[in-house]
Amino acid sequence: MSTGSRKLPFRLSRYKFIDVLGKGTQGAVYLAELEAELGFRRKVAIKIVGAGTGGADRAVKSLANEARALAAAHHPSVVGVYDLAHVEGQYLLVMEYVEGPTLSEAIRYTASGGRALAVGDTLRIAEQLADGLACVHALTDHRGEPAP
């Protein structure tokens, strides 16, 4: 069953899906809660691709490449990856959930007050984004070649 046809909240394996954080052409990212043994709980972000996505093979390969890159990158501007799983026909990339507004929400909030995002804040955000991207793009495979 495709996750797109399920009503929130829903459960998939040890994860309770709570909200949609974003959608794209190859899948969606959800806010979920990992419910593990002995009452352990943790909020996570889960990207799902699988049945119901066009070009599913390409989407799954892309998801696997993303998982490898996130697992290898150690940078404050790059989310951590916890798991890559195949559950009930769906591929799940389980990642660190970072609480707070999205960039677009911050811009809208500032604009709703009739002002632009401060230049200093804009430059700080741009620097953090560039540093994170540089970290990921500098990754290499076991032969020293650029990682896919």
C-alpha atoms as a PDB file:
ATOM      1  CA  MET A   1       0.000   0.000   0.000  1.00  0.00           C
ATOM      2  CA  SER A   2       1.337   3.437  -0.882  1.00  0.00           C
ATOM      3  CA  THR A   3       1.779   5.799   2.046  1.00  0.00           C
ATOM      4  CA  GLY A   4       0.092   8.526   0.009  1.00  0.00           C
ATOM      5  CA  SER A   5      -3.301   6.842   0.478  1.00  0.00           C
ATOM      6  CA  ARG A   6      -2.996   6.528   4.268  1.00  0.00           C
ATOM      7  CA  LYS A   7      -4.438   9.001   6.718  1.00  0.00           C
ATOM      8  CA  LEU A   8      -2.167  10.439   9.362  1.00  0.00           C
ATOM      9  CA  PRO A   9      -1.268   9.248  11.877  1.00  0.00           C
ATOM     10  CA  PHE A  10      -0.337   5.773  10.653  1.00  0.00           C
ATOM     11  CA  ARG A  11       2.153   3.118  11.699  1.00  0.00           C
ATOM     12  CA  LEU A  12       4.820   1.414   9.613  1.00  0.00           C
ATOM     13  CA  SER A  13       7.063  -1.013  11.512  1.00  0.00           C
ATOM     14  CA  ARG A  14       8.428   0.749  14.614  1.00  0.00           C
ATOM     15  CA  TYR A  15       7.496   4.197  13.296  1.00  0.00           C
ATOM     16  CA  LYS A  16       4.373   6.243  13.943  1.00  0.00           C
ATOM     17  CA  PHE A  17       3.959   8.793  11.147  1.00  0.00           C
ATOM     18  CA  ILE A  18       2.601  12.068  12.508  1.00  0.00           C
ATOM     19  CA  ASP A  19       2.821  14.792   9.852  1.00  0.00           C
ATOM     20  CA  VAL A  20       4.015  15.528   6.310  1.00  0.00           C
ATOM     21  CA  LEU A  21       7.086  17.774   6.278  1.00  0.00           C
ATOM     22  CA  GLY A  22       7.384  17.952   2.495  1.00  0.00           C
ATOM     23  CA  LYS A  23       6.528  16.222  -0.774  1.00  0.00           C
ATOM     24  CA  GLY A  24       8.401  15.829  -4.033  1.00  0.00           C
ATOM     25  CA  THR A  25       8.187  13.931  -7.283  1.00  0.00           C
ATOM     26  CA  GLN A  26       9.892  10.820  -5.873  1.00  0.00           C
ATOM     27  CA  GLY A  27       8.231  10.641  -2.466  1.00  0.00           C
ATOM     28  CA  ALA A  28       7.606  12.477   0.770  1.00  0.00           C
ATOM     29  CA  VAL A  29       9.298  13.354   4.045  1.00  0.00           C
ATOM     30  CA  TYR A  30       7.374  12.780   7.249  1.00  0.00           C
ATOM     31  CA  LEU A  31       7.735  13.664  10.885  1.00  0.00           C
ATOM     32  CA  ALA A  32       7.563  10.343  12.701  1.00  0.00           C
ATOM     33  CA  GLU A  33       8.237   8.890  16.086  1.00  0.00           C
ATOM     34  CA  LEU A  34      10.420   5.840  16.572  1.00  0.00           C
ATOM     35  CA  GLU A  35       8.783   3.645  19.207  1.00  0.00           C
ATOM     36  CA  ALA A  36      11.364   1.133  20.434  1.00  0.00           C
ATOM     37  CA  GLU A  37      11.826  -1.242  23.340  1.00  0.00           C
ATOM     38  CA  LEU A  38      11.349  -0.250  26.989  1.00  0.00           C
ATOM     39  CA  GLY A  39       9.488   2.940  26.146  1.00  0.00           C
ATOM     40  CA  PHE A  40      12.313   4.520  24.118  1.00  0.00           C
ATOM     41  CA  ARG A  41      10.923   7.167  21.776  1.00  0.00           C
ATOM     42  CA  ARG A  42      12.581   9.594  19.390  1.00  0.00           C
ATOM     43  CA  LYS A  43      11.279  12.050  16.800  1.00  0.00           C
ATOM     44  CA  VAL A  44      12.747  11.381  13.364  1.00  0.00           C
ATOM     45  CA  ALA A  45      12.307  12.586   9.798  1.00  0.00           C
ATOM     46  CA  ILE A  46      11.584   9.798   7.306  1.00  0.00           C
ATOM     47  CA  LYS A  47      11.836  10.070   3.541  1.00  0.00           C
ATOM     48  CA  ILE A  48       9.816   7.405   1.750  1.00  0.00           C
ATOM     49  CA  VAL A  49      10.003   6.223  -1.843  1.00  0.00           C
ATOM     50  CA  GLY A  50       8.589   3.018  -3.245  1.00  0.00           C
ATOM     51  CA  ALA A  51       5.428   1.708  -4.822  1.00  0.00           C
ATOM     52  CA  GLY A  52       3.373   4.519  -6.230  1.00  0.00           C
ATOM     53  CA  THR A  53       6.293   6.692  -7.358  1.00  0.00           C
ATOM     54  CA  GLY A  54       7.090   7.121 -11.015  1.00  0.00           C
ATOM     55  CA  GLY A  55      10.563   5.825 -11.854  1.00  0.00           C
ATOM     56  CA  ALA A  56      10.685   3.824  -8.622  1.00  0.00           C
ATOM     57  CA  ASP A  57      14.012   2.079  -9.458  1.00  0.00           C
ATOM     58  CA  ARG A  58      15.738   5.401 -10.068  1.00  0.00           C
ATOM     59  CA  ALA A  59      14.144   6.894  -6.940  1.00  0.00           C
ATOM     60  CA  VAL A  60      15.333   3.989  -4.788  1.00  0.00           C
ATOM     61  CA  LYS A  61      18.884   4.225  -6.185  1.00  0.00           C
ATOM     62  CA  SER A  62      18.865   7.960  -5.517  1.00  0.00           C
ATOM     63  CA  LEU A  63      17.627   7.341  -1.957  1.00  0.00           C
ATOM     64  CA  ALA A  64      20.434   4.814  -1.353  1.00  0.00           C
ATOM     65  CA  ASN A  65      23.024   7.304  -2.650  1.00  0.00           C
ATOM     66  CA  GLU A  66      21.560   9.991  -0.388  1.00  0.00           C
ATOM     67  CA  ALA A  67      21.703   7.638   2.605  1.00  0.00           C
ATOM     68  CA  ARG A  68      25.368   6.826   1.944  1.00  0.00           C
ATOM     69  CA  ALA A  69      26.261  10.511   1.564  1.00  0.00           C
ATOM     70  CA  LEU A  70      24.438  11.528   4.747  1.00  0.00           C
ATOM     71  CA  ALA A  71      26.027   8.667   6.694  1.00  0.00           C
ATOM     72  CA  ALA A  72      29.517   9.721   5.562  1.00  0.00           C
ATOM     73  CA  ALA A  73      29.038  13.448   6.099  1.00  0.00           C
ATOM     74  CA  HIS A  74      29.749  14.736   9.575  1.00  0.00           C
ATOM     75  CA  HIS A  75      28.790  18.396   9.601  1.00  0.00           C
ATOM     76  CA  PRO A  76      26.467  20.549  11.734  1.00  0.00           C
ATOM     77  CA  SER A  77      24.553  21.651   8.606  1.00  0.00           C
ATOM     78  CA  VAL A  78      23.922  18.082   7.392  1.00  0.00           C
ATOM     79  CA  VAL A  79      21.327  15.897   9.133  1.00  0.00           C
ATOM     80  CA  GLY A  80      22.420  12.549  10.496  1.00  0.00           C
ATOM     81  CA  VAL A  81      21.059   9.335   9.039  1.00  0.00           C
ATOM     82  CA  TYR A  82      19.907   6.543  11.344  1.00  0.00           C
ATOM     83  CA  ASP A  83      18.621   3.830   9.017  1.00  0.00           C
ATOM     84  CA  LEU A  84      17.781   2.805   5.468  1.00  0.00           C
ATOM     85  CA  ALA A  85      15.062   0.165   5.468  1.00  0.00           C
ATOM     86  CA  HIS A  86      12.617  -1.659   3.216  1.00  0.00           C
ATOM     87  CA  VAL A  87       9.266  -2.103   4.969  1.00  0.00           C
ATOM     88  CA  GLU A  88       5.982  -3.225   3.406  1.00  0.00           C
ATOM     89  CA  GLY A  89       7.162  -2.339  -0.109  1.00  0.00           C
ATOM     90  CA  GLN A  90       8.356   1.127   0.943  1.00  0.00           C
ATOM     91  CA  TYR A  91      11.950   2.342   1.170  1.00  0.00           C
ATOM     92  CA  LEU A  92      12.536   4.469   4.265  1.00  0.00           C
ATOM     93  CA  LEU A  93      15.454   6.803   4.899  1.00  0.00           C
ATOM     94  CA  VAL A  94      15.319   7.536   8.634  1.00  0.00           C
ATOM     95  CA  MET A  95      17.073  10.781   9.523  1.00  0.00           C
ATOM     96  CA  GLU A  96      17.656  13.174  12.375  1.00  0.00           C
ATOM     97  CA  TYR A  97      14.697  15.498  12.918  1.00  0.00           C
ATOM     98  CA  VAL A  98      15.771  19.102  13.471  1.00  0.00           C
ATOM     99  CA  GLU A  99      13.121  21.099  15.300  1.00  0.00           C
ATOM    100  CA  GLY A 100      12.408  24.648  14.152  1.00  0.00           C
ATOM    101  CA  PRO A 101      11.042  26.633  11.243  1.00  0.00           C
ATOM    102  CA  THR A 102      11.978  25.870   7.662  1.00  0.00           C
ATOM    103  CA  LEU A 103      13.815  28.546   5.712  1.00  0.00           C
ATOM    104  CA  SER A 104      10.653  29.381   3.757  1.00  0.00           C
ATOM    105  CA  GLU A 105       8.691  29.697   7.029  1.00  0.00           C
ATOM    106  CA  ALA A 106      11.314  32.069   8.449  1.00  0.00           C
ATOM    107  CA  ILE A 107      11.181  34.202   5.304  1.00  0.00           C
ATOM    108  CA  ARG A 108       7.354  34.268   5.321  1.00  0.00           C
ATOM    109  CA  TYR A 109       7.269  35.153   9.030  1.00  0.00           C
ATOM    110  CA  THR A 110       9.692  38.024   8.495  1.00  0.00           C
ATOM    111  CA  ALA A 111       7.828  39.214   5.384  1.00  0.00           C
ATOM    112  CA  SER A 112       4.499  39.125   7.230  1.00  0.00           C
ATOM    113  CA  GLY A 113       5.964  41.774   9.550  1.00  0.00           C
ATOM    114  CA  GLY A 114       6.622  43.943   6.508  1.00  0.00           C
ATOM    115  CA  ARG A 115      10.386  43.536   6.532  1.00  0.00           C
ATOM    116  CA  ALA A 116      13.018  41.488   4.782  1.00  0.00           C
ATOM    117  CA  LEU A 117      15.247  38.926   6.450  1.00  0.00           C
ATOM    118  CA  ALA A 118      18.212  40.864   7.891  1.00  0.00           C
ATOM    119  CA  VAL A 119      21.316  40.848   5.717  1.00  0.00           C
ATOM    120  CA  GLY A 120      23.414  39.331   8.524  1.00  0.00           C
ATOM    121  CA  ASP A 121      20.895  36.497   9.009  1.00  0.00           C
ATOM    122  CA  THR A 122      20.732  35.899   5.266  1.00  0.00           C
ATOM    123  CA  LEU A 123      24.530  35.687   5.010  1.00  0.00           C
ATOM    124  CA  ARG A 124      24.770  33.375   8.046  1.00  0.00           C
ATOM    125  CA  ILE A 125      22.163  31.017   6.555  1.00  0.00           C
ATOM    126  CA  ALA A 126      23.851  31.083   3.132  1.00  0.00           C
ATOM    127  CA  GLU A 127      27.235  30.319   4.729  1.00  0.00           C
ATOM    128  CA  GLN A 128      25.812  27.357   6.669  1.00  0.00           C
ATOM    129  CA  LEU A 129      24.120  25.984   3.533  1.00  0.00           C
ATOM    130  CA  ALA A 130      27.303  26.373   1.478  1.00  0.00           C
ATOM    131  CA  ASP A 131      29.427  24.713   4.165  1.00  0.00           C
ATOM    132  CA  GLY A 132      27.049  21.742   4.363  1.00  0.00           C
ATOM    133  CA  LEU A 133      26.947  21.353   0.584  1.00  0.00           C
ATOM    134  CA  ALA A 134      30.736  21.604   0.367  1.00  0.00           C
ATOM    135  CA  CYS A 135      31.050  18.827   2.962  1.00  0.00           C
ATOM    136  CA  VAL A 136      28.758  16.501   1.007  1.00  0.00           C
ATOM    137  CA  HIS A 137      30.309  17.334  -2.376  1.00  0.00           C
ATOM    138  CA  ALA A 138      33.817  16.668  -1.018  1.00  0.00           C
ATOM    139  CA  LEU A 139      32.919  13.054  -0.139  1.00  0.00           C
ATOM    140  CA  THR A 140      34.777  10.302  -1.969  1.00  0.00           C
ATOM    141  CA  ASP A 141      34.327   6.543  -2.288  1.00  0.00           C
ATOM    142  CA  HIS A 142      36.890   3.899  -1.267  1.00  0.00           C
ATOM    143  CA  ARG A 143      38.936   4.621  -4.432  1.00  0.00           C
ATOM    144  CA  GLY A 144      39.079   8.372  -3.760  1.00  0.00           C
ATOM    145  CA  GLU A 145      36.558   9.080  -6.536  1.00  0.00           C
ATOM    146  CA  PRO A 146      33.675  11.530  -5.968  1.00  0.00           C
ATOM    147  CA  ALA A 147      30.847   9.743  -4.175  1.00  0.00           C
ATOM    148  CA  PRO A 148      27.670   9.246  -6.231  1.00  0.00           C
END
